[in-house]
Amino acid sequence: MLPFIAELFRTKSVDQLKEMADKKGLKKTLNTLDIMLMGIGAIIGAGIFVLTGVAAANYAGPGIVLSFIISAIACVLVALIYSELASMVPVAGSTYTYTYAALGEIVAWVVGWDLILEYFFSVCMVSSGWSGYMVSILNSGGINIPQYLISSPETGGLVNLPAMFIPLLIGFLLIRGTKESATVNRIIVFVKLAVIFIFIILAAPKVNPANWTPFLPYGFQGVMAGAAIIFTAFLGFDAMSTTAEESNNPGRSLPVGIIGSLLICTVLYVAVSGLLTGLVPYDQLNVSDPVAYALSAVGYRLGSAIIAVGAIAGITTVLLVMMYGQTRIVFAMSRDGFLPDWVSKLHPKYGTPYMVTLVSACMAAIVAGLVPIQILAELVNIGTLFAFILSAIGVLVLRYKLPDLPRPFRAPAIHIVAPLAVIMCAILMLMLPQATWIRFLLWFCFGLIIYFGYGYRHSRLSMEKAVELVSKK
């Protein structure tokens, strides 16, 4: 029994991880600007254009600005940790790869399975938000899609068709190539930043301070609950760590890209959420397109249309980066033997993991068309927070386990930063609804069934051990 337990916690050395990446690796095509813009592209999207309204109306009221600040503090702590890990282990897979080196195989599988939950449902959730803004634009142009074709069954419809379309388009772009996708991302990021500044300029003179009273209608507990819900607004920065293997200079590009994009987006989030609740009463913001709605409510019809177009652009880049992150994690898990080899098959022309991208896009289209956005958002958040906690533990373990390993970026005051990150993420997890915990645990159990049914016997470490035993005989 003890040898079996020991095998569950066997680790893969950093040298082994790098060697595998060299043998079956991805093309290095991304520079620092690409990574930072991918971060901004991933962070600014559904969180600012969709979830801000939901969180303000149902949880925090005007105190949503405090919710963003609290979530940002937790994210800054985790960003420092991710920057150290990503620069130290520049291999595809994000937290999954780091925990394989620090905490062992079974923990790595749990984290990888958890990250699949995070990124997959992020794509589904953001696709649902994309649909809301697209329908708004079509309605403005006189094109009215029947309600039963733009709503999930739980919200009274049959299927959300626009939400099904966009993951398929993003999957096509990612199959064509990482550099090509990054170029598209650059263009769209500049568009949506311009749109956000337009919103700030238009909204500032129209703010009615009376709408900020009461500032905390649901109390401070509401602020914390709001922070747990809008936490997904910051997800993009951790997706940046999945670019490590495709970065030209991961030791510099990743820390700059991760921390820089997070700080820029935090400032924009606080500004937009404050102005949004100042334009209209917070209880009117529980709509699928709150930013466009708020401008329309104060008389900016054209401004509302511009914002809707910018939201479409912004949400599209989030989809691009989230699906990118998910496919790279699944790619890394397949390369380690936890999933079948066909999953990590690279396209002969584009050099991208096209099989996993194709399957992910099709499955995301189905879920996005059938499941409401709030359930998706809660699942994304609990998966992300759990992964962050394990990353914080992992970076401490590696400091003691491999103290001499080169670290191009070292997180400052790690013995304070890591425990604080664990505490803040745990608190935010506890603020999520009980139903979310039940869904999360069901996903967790399903993942263990797959691991013990396939992954444990087929992992590269198991196969290497089997070969070694045969050679000895």
Foldseek 3Di string as FASTA:
>chain_A
DVVVVVQQFQADALVNQVVLCVVQHFAQDDELVLLLLLLLLQLPACLQFFLLLVLCQPFFPLLLLVLLVLLLLLLLLLLLLQLQQLLQRLHAAFLLNLCRHFGGNNVSLLLLLLLLLQLLLLLLLLLLLLLQLVQVLCVVVVHHDDPQQCDAVVVPHPWRQSSLPLLQVLLVQVLQADVSLSVLSVVLSVLLVVLLVVLLVLLVVQFAVVLCPVVGPPPVLSSLLSSLLSSSSNPSLSLSSSCSRNHPNSLPSNSCSNNVSSVVVSVSSSSSSNSLSRQDRSNVSNGSGSSLVSCVVSPCPVSSSSNSVSNSSSSSSSSNSSLVSSLSNQLSLVSQFLDPVLQNDADPPHRGSSVVSNVSSNVSSVCSTHDDNSLSSNLNSLSVLVSSLSSLVSSVSCCVVPVPRDGSRRRPPSVVSSVVSNVSSVSSNVSGDPVSVVVNVVSSVVSVCSCVVTVSCGGPVNVVVVVVVVVVD
